[in-house]
Amino acid sequence: MKTQYYTACSLDGFIATEDHSLEWLFPLGDINDTSYPRFIQGVGALAMGSSTYEWMLRHVVKPGTKDQKAWPYAQPTWVFSSRELPAVPSAAIHFVRGDVKQVHEAMVLAAGGKNVWIVGGGDLVGQFHDAGLLDEIMVQVGSVTLGSGRPLLPRRIVSPSLQLTDARRVGPGFAELTYSVPTKR
């Protein structure tokens, strides 16, 4: 069981634009060509911040519209937020706040031996890293630059450094990199 950050970013290290747009991402390739289909099969629980959750509501679920869809994940999801957010009916979503360390144990238990996926949100990932709970970073680096935006991981990680465990080309638009996160000594 691992706690993993799986995401995509621009060549200059941003996961979204300043206004949380991902429109730059979709033309770069097909998600089915990446490791995502295999990755998601190993996920037993998800964690996300409020910005990612709100993006999912606006662009995927679209509640209250004629295009409304169900929550796309069968796995239980923990949304970290200090604000009140709308729930998605019949989805296993837990709204939490505070220290990630206290919530991580419940996520691991719910994952049932599978992995915990930190979805989007560089700051939330940074909190998991700071608590010594992040095991792996998997990132598809896209062939565009944004110049500014939401950073991949707004933390300084120098010692010990991340360890590259895999690198592969994914079509013409991505390099897929996997790093293990050493524990601090």
C-alpha atoms as a PDB file:
ATOM      1  CA  MET A   1       0.000   0.000   0.000  1.00  0.00           C
ATOM      2  CA  LYS A   2       1.324   3.430  -0.986  1.00  0.00           C
ATOM      3  CA  THR A   3       0.171   7.013  -0.698  1.00  0.00           C
ATOM      4  CA  GLN A   4       0.677   8.389  -4.191  1.00  0.00           C
ATOM      5  CA  TYR A   5       0.496  11.744  -5.922  1.00  0.00           C
ATOM      6  CA  TYR A   6      -0.562  11.048  -9.518  1.00  0.00           C
ATOM      7  CA  THR A   7      -0.960  14.092 -11.757  1.00  0.00           C
ATOM      8  CA  ALA A   8       0.099  15.943 -14.884  1.00  0.00           C
ATOM      9  CA  CYS A   9       1.987  19.208 -15.130  1.00  0.00           C
ATOM     10  CA  SER A  10       3.372  21.579 -17.721  1.00  0.00           C
ATOM     11  CA  LEU A  11       7.053  21.480 -18.614  1.00  0.00           C
ATOM     12  CA  ASP A  12       7.579  24.452 -16.302  1.00  0.00           C
ATOM     13  CA  GLY A  13       5.937  22.680 -13.341  1.00  0.00           C
ATOM     14  CA  PHE A  14       2.319  23.867 -13.139  1.00  0.00           C
ATOM     15  CA  ILE A  15      -0.685  21.561 -12.707  1.00  0.00           C
ATOM     16  CA  ALA A  16      -3.210  24.252 -13.684  1.00  0.00           C
ATOM     17  CA  THR A  17      -3.382  27.879 -14.707  1.00  0.00           C
ATOM     18  CA  GLU A  18      -3.921  30.657 -12.152  1.00  0.00           C
ATOM     19  CA  ASP A  19      -7.695  30.268 -12.616  1.00  0.00           C
ATOM     20  CA  HIS A  20      -7.504  26.451 -12.179  1.00  0.00           C
ATOM     21  CA  SER A  21      -7.957  25.689 -15.896  1.00  0.00           C
ATOM     22  CA  LEU A  22      -6.772  22.375 -17.324  1.00  0.00           C
ATOM     23  CA  GLU A  23      -7.631  23.217 -20.944  1.00  0.00           C
ATOM     24  CA  TRP A  24      -3.920  23.123 -21.825  1.00  0.00           C
ATOM     25  CA  LEU A  25      -3.759  19.461 -20.789  1.00  0.00           C
ATOM     26  CA  PHE A  26      -6.396  17.675 -22.835  1.00  0.00           C
ATOM     27  CA  PRO A  27      -4.980  18.240 -26.368  1.00  0.00           C
ATOM     28  CA  LEU A  28      -1.636  16.669 -25.376  1.00  0.00           C
ATOM     29  CA  GLY A  29      -2.668  13.016 -25.419  1.00  0.00           C
ATOM     30  CA  ASP A  30      -5.057  10.245 -24.545  1.00  0.00           C
ATOM     31  CA  ILE A  31      -5.266   9.265 -20.877  1.00  0.00           C
ATOM     32  CA  ASN A  32      -5.650   5.633 -21.960  1.00  0.00           C
ATOM     33  CA  ASP A  33      -2.089   5.729 -23.318  1.00  0.00           C
ATOM     34  CA  THR A  34      -0.724   6.632 -19.893  1.00  0.00           C
ATOM     35  CA  SER A  35      -0.393   4.443 -16.819  1.00  0.00           C
ATOM     36  CA  TYR A  36      -3.728   5.779 -15.502  1.00  0.00           C
ATOM     37  CA  PRO A  37      -5.930   2.775 -16.386  1.00  0.00           C
ATOM     38  CA  ARG A  38      -3.547   0.451 -14.501  1.00  0.00           C
ATOM     39  CA  PHE A  39      -2.973   3.007 -11.737  1.00  0.00           C
ATOM     40  CA  ILE A  40      -6.656   3.566 -10.894  1.00  0.00           C
ATOM     41  CA  GLN A  41      -7.221  -0.192 -10.479  1.00  0.00           C
ATOM     42  CA  GLY A  42      -4.806  -0.108  -7.550  1.00  0.00           C
ATOM     43  CA  VAL A  43      -6.486   2.839  -5.805  1.00  0.00           C
ATOM     44  CA  GLY A  44      -8.659   2.183  -2.758  1.00  0.00           C
ATOM     45  CA  ALA A  45      -9.181   5.737  -1.440  1.00  0.00           C
ATOM     46  CA  LEU A  46      -8.744   9.307  -2.681  1.00  0.00           C
ATOM     47  CA  ALA A  47      -7.787  12.610  -1.062  1.00  0.00           C
ATOM     48  CA  MET A  48      -8.298  15.993  -2.687  1.00  0.00           C
ATOM     49  CA  GLY A  49      -8.387  19.645  -1.788  1.00  0.00           C
ATOM     50  CA  SER A  50     -11.349  21.940  -2.210  1.00  0.00           C
ATOM     51  CA  SER A  51     -10.107  23.470  -5.504  1.00  0.00           C
ATOM     52  CA  THR A  52      -9.845  20.028  -7.122  1.00  0.00           C
ATOM     53  CA  TYR A  53     -13.242  19.013  -5.751  1.00  0.00           C
ATOM     54  CA  GLU A  54     -14.867  22.194  -7.044  1.00  0.00           C
ATOM     55  CA  TRP A  55     -13.213  21.652 -10.461  1.00  0.00           C
ATOM     56  CA  MET A  56     -14.671  18.119 -10.514  1.00  0.00           C
ATOM     57  CA  LEU A  57     -18.115  19.512  -9.734  1.00  0.00           C
ATOM     58  CA  ARG A  58     -17.921  22.187 -12.468  1.00  0.00           C
ATOM     59  CA  HIS A  59     -16.352  20.110 -15.230  1.00  0.00           C
ATOM     60  CA  VAL A  60     -17.299  16.483 -14.569  1.00  0.00           C
ATOM     61  CA  VAL A  61     -20.373  16.148 -12.316  1.00  0.00           C
ATOM     62  CA  LYS A  62     -22.097  19.412 -13.362  1.00  0.00           C
ATOM     63  CA  PRO A  63     -24.862  19.246 -10.726  1.00  0.00           C
ATOM     64  CA  GLY A  64     -28.157  20.903 -11.591  1.00  0.00           C
ATOM     65  CA  THR A  65     -27.498  20.958 -15.345  1.00  0.00           C
ATOM     66  CA  LYS A  66     -28.918  18.872 -18.179  1.00  0.00           C
ATOM     67  CA  ASP A  67     -25.427  17.332 -18.507  1.00  0.00           C
ATOM     68  CA  GLN A  68     -25.271  16.199 -14.862  1.00  0.00           C
ATOM     69  CA  LYS A  69     -23.235  13.050 -14.287  1.00  0.00           C
ATOM     70  CA  ALA A  70     -22.493  10.779 -11.344  1.00  0.00           C
ATOM     71  CA  TRP A  71     -19.359  11.126  -9.228  1.00  0.00           C
ATOM     72  CA  PRO A  72     -16.686   9.344 -11.308  1.00  0.00           C
ATOM     73  CA  TYR A  73     -14.999   7.403  -8.505  1.00  0.00           C
ATOM     74  CA  ALA A  74     -16.302   4.315  -6.729  1.00  0.00           C
ATOM     75  CA  GLN A  75     -13.580   4.666  -4.071  1.00  0.00           C
ATOM     76  CA  PRO A  76     -14.266   6.679  -0.912  1.00  0.00           C
ATOM     77  CA  THR A  77     -12.972  10.230  -1.227  1.00  0.00           C
ATOM     78  CA  TRP A  78     -11.770  12.619   1.474  1.00  0.00           C
ATOM     79  CA  VAL A  79     -12.055  16.311   0.582  1.00  0.00           C
ATOM     80  CA  PHE A  80      -9.846  18.562   2.705  1.00  0.00           C
ATOM     81  CA  SER A  81     -11.389  22.015   3.066  1.00  0.00           C
ATOM     82  CA  SER A  82     -11.942  24.705   5.649  1.00  0.00           C
ATOM     83  CA  ARG A  83     -15.128  25.722   3.786  1.00  0.00           C
ATOM     84  CA  GLU A  84     -18.557  24.158   3.517  1.00  0.00           C
ATOM     85  CA  LEU A  85     -18.892  22.456   0.117  1.00  0.00           C
ATOM     86  CA  PRO A  86     -21.883  20.831  -1.590  1.00  0.00           C
ATOM     87  CA  ALA A  87     -22.074  17.040  -1.429  1.00  0.00           C
ATOM     88  CA  VAL A  88     -22.665  14.728  -4.374  1.00  0.00           C
ATOM     89  CA  PRO A  89     -25.642  12.450  -3.641  1.00  0.00           C
ATOM     90  CA  SER A  90     -24.790   8.743  -3.363  1.00  0.00           C
ATOM     91  CA  ALA A  91     -21.027   9.359  -3.512  1.00  0.00           C
ATOM     92  CA  ALA A  92     -18.793   8.210  -0.645  1.00  0.00           C
ATOM     93  CA  ILE A  93     -17.329  11.662   0.052  1.00  0.00           C
ATOM     94  CA  HIS A  94     -16.034  12.710   3.462  1.00  0.00           C
ATOM     95  CA  PHE A  95     -15.417  16.413   4.101  1.00  0.00           C
ATOM     96  CA  VAL A  96     -12.547  16.920   6.533  1.00  0.00           C
ATOM     97  CA  ARG A  97     -10.272  19.662   7.777  1.00  0.00           C
ATOM     98  CA  GLY A  98      -7.095  19.877   9.744  1.00  0.00           C
ATOM     99  CA  ASP A  99      -4.056  17.650  10.007  1.00  0.00           C
ATOM    100  CA  VAL A 100      -3.687  15.109   7.174  1.00  0.00           C
ATOM    101  CA  LYS A 101      -1.952  12.696   9.546  1.00  0.00           C
ATOM    102  CA  GLN A 102      -5.131  12.198  11.571  1.00  0.00           C
ATOM    103  CA  VAL A 103      -7.230  11.508   8.457  1.00  0.00           C
ATOM    104  CA  HIS A 104      -4.654   9.332   6.675  1.00  0.00           C
ATOM    105  CA  GLU A 105      -5.234   6.389   8.997  1.00  0.00           C
ATOM    106  CA  ALA A 106      -8.955   6.291   8.113  1.00  0.00           C
ATOM    107  CA  MET A 107      -8.117   6.531   4.405  1.00  0.00           C
ATOM    108  CA  VAL A 108      -5.643   3.638   4.623  1.00  0.00           C
ATOM    109  CA  LEU A 109      -8.208   1.527   6.467  1.00  0.00           C
ATOM    110  CA  ALA A 110     -10.900   2.304   3.871  1.00  0.00           C
ATOM    111  CA  ALA A 111      -8.466   1.545   1.019  1.00  0.00           C
ATOM    112  CA  GLY A 112      -8.369  -2.084   2.158  1.00  0.00           C
ATOM    113  CA  GLY A 113      -4.764  -2.769   1.176  1.00  0.00           C
ATOM    114  CA  LYS A 114      -4.929  -0.697  -2.015  1.00  0.00           C
ATOM    115  CA  ASN A 115      -3.226   2.658  -2.561  1.00  0.00           C
ATOM    116  CA  VAL A 116      -4.300   6.122  -1.458  1.00  0.00           C
ATOM    117  CA  TRP A 117      -4.319   8.658  -4.313  1.00  0.00           C
ATOM    118  CA  ILE A 118      -3.808  12.341  -3.630  1.00  0.00           C
ATOM    119  CA  VAL A 119      -5.709  13.923  -6.533  1.00  0.00           C
ATOM    120  CA  GLY A 120      -4.532  17.355  -7.638  1.00  0.00           C
ATOM    121  CA  GLY A 121      -3.652  20.088  -5.232  1.00  0.00           C
ATOM    122  CA  GLY A 122       0.070  20.642  -4.786  1.00  0.00           C
ATOM    123  CA  ASP A 123      -0.379  22.187  -1.333  1.00  0.00           C
ATOM    124  CA  LEU A 124      -2.305  19.165  -0.042  1.00  0.00           C
ATOM    125  CA  VAL A 125       0.407  16.885  -1.398  1.00  0.00           C
ATOM    126  CA  GLY A 126       2.932  19.068   0.400  1.00  0.00           C
ATOM    127  CA  GLN A 127       1.073  18.518   3.663  1.00  0.00           C
ATOM    128  CA  PHE A 128       1.223  14.742   3.164  1.00  0.00           C
ATOM    129  CA  HIS A 129       4.956  15.035   2.395  1.00  0.00           C
ATOM    130  CA  ASP A 130       5.586  17.187   5.462  1.00  0.00           C
ATOM    131  CA  ALA A 131       3.824  14.578   7.614  1.00  0.00           C
ATOM    132  CA  GLY A 132       6.028  11.794   6.182  1.00  0.00           C
ATOM    133  CA  LEU A 133       3.040  10.109   4.516  1.00  0.00           C
ATOM    134  CA  LEU A 134       3.856  10.519   0.813  1.00  0.00           C
ATOM    135  CA  ASP A 135       5.439   7.435  -0.777  1.00  0.00           C
ATOM    136  CA  GLU A 136       5.433   8.078  -4.518  1.00  0.00           C
ATOM    137  CA  ILE A 137       4.980  10.840  -7.097  1.00  0.00           C
ATOM    138  CA  MET A 138       3.807   9.899 -10.587  1.00  0.00           C
ATOM    139  CA  VAL A 139       3.670  12.812 -13.012  1.00  0.00           C
ATOM    140  CA  GLN A 140       3.037  13.195 -16.722  1.00  0.00           C
ATOM    141  CA  VAL A 141       5.084  16.196 -17.825  1.00  0.00           C
ATOM    142  CA  GLY A 142       3.366  17.864 -20.780  1.00  0.00           C
ATOM    143  CA  SER A 143       5.072  19.528 -23.730  1.00  0.00           C
ATOM    144  CA  VAL A 144       3.711  23.020 -22.996  1.00  0.00           C
ATOM    145  CA  THR A 145       4.759  25.858 -20.698  1.00  0.00           C
ATOM    146  CA  LEU A 146       2.264  27.995 -18.804  1.00  0.00           C
ATOM    147  CA  GLY A 147       4.562  30.658 -17.379  1.00  0.00           C
ATOM    148  CA  SER A 148       2.618  30.722 -14.117  1.00  0.00           C
ATOM    149  CA  GLY A 149      -0.169  28.875 -12.378  1.00  0.00           C
ATOM    150  CA  ARG A 150      -0.725  26.301  -9.661  1.00  0.00           C
ATOM    151  CA  PRO A 151       2.622  24.614  -8.864  1.00  0.00           C
ATOM    152  CA  LEU A 152       3.140  20.864  -8.992  1.00  0.00           C
ATOM    153  CA  LEU A 153       4.327  20.710  -5.397  1.00  0.00           C
ATOM    154  CA  PRO A 154       4.964  23.986  -3.554  1.00  0.00           C
ATOM    155  CA  ARG A 155       7.588  22.533  -1.236  1.00  0.00           C
ATOM    156  CA  ARG A 156      11.337  22.490  -1.192  1.00  0.00           C
ATOM    157  CA  ILE A 157      12.384  18.823  -1.256  1.00  0.00           C
ATOM    158  CA  VAL A 158      16.153  18.652  -1.289  1.00  0.00           C
ATOM    159  CA  SER A 159      17.470  16.222   1.288  1.00  0.00           C
ATOM    160  CA  PRO A 160      16.826  13.451   0.900  1.00  0.00           C
ATOM    161  CA  SER A 161      15.996  14.022  -2.745  1.00  0.00           C
ATOM    162  CA  LEU A 162      13.309  12.146  -4.649  1.00  0.00           C
ATOM    163  CA  GLN A 163      14.500   8.962  -6.374  1.00  0.00           C
ATOM    164  CA  LEU A 164      13.566   8.500 -10.039  1.00  0.00           C
ATOM    165  CA  THR A 165      12.288   4.925 -10.430  1.00  0.00           C
ATOM    166  CA  ASP A 166      10.762   5.038 -13.922  1.00  0.00           C
ATOM    167  CA  ALA A 167      10.612   7.278 -16.990  1.00  0.00           C
ATOM    168  CA  ARG A 168       8.827   6.686 -20.278  1.00  0.00           C
ATOM    169  CA  ARG A 169       7.549   8.543 -23.297  1.00  0.00           C
ATOM    170  CA  VAL A 170       3.761   8.722 -23.699  1.00  0.00           C
ATOM    171  CA  GLY A 171       2.908   9.744 -27.245  1.00  0.00           C
ATOM    172  CA  PRO A 172       4.205  13.034 -28.610  1.00  0.00           C
ATOM    173  CA  GLY A 173       3.017  15.128 -25.684  1.00  0.00           C
ATOM    174  CA  PHE A 174       4.174  13.590 -22.393  1.00  0.00           C
ATOM    175  CA  ALA A 175       7.035  12.153 -20.432  1.00  0.00           C
ATOM    176  CA  GLU A 176       5.763  10.008 -17.555  1.00  0.00           C
ATOM    177  CA  LEU A 177       8.029  10.088 -14.501  1.00  0.00           C
ATOM    178  CA  THR A 178       7.762   8.090 -11.285  1.00  0.00           C
ATOM    179  CA  TYR A 179       9.658   9.052  -8.134  1.00  0.00           C
ATOM    180  CA  SER A 180       9.857   7.348  -4.770  1.00  0.00           C
ATOM    181  CA  VAL A 181       9.828   9.667  -1.788  1.00  0.00           C
ATOM    182  CA  PRO A 182      12.490   8.674   0.734  1.00  0.00           C
ATOM    183  CA  THR A 183      11.627   8.995   4.373  1.00  0.00           C
ATOM    184  CA  LYS A 184      13.328  11.802   6.242  1.00  0.00           C
ATOM    185  CA  ARG A 185      16.112  10.765   8.553  1.00  0.00           C
END
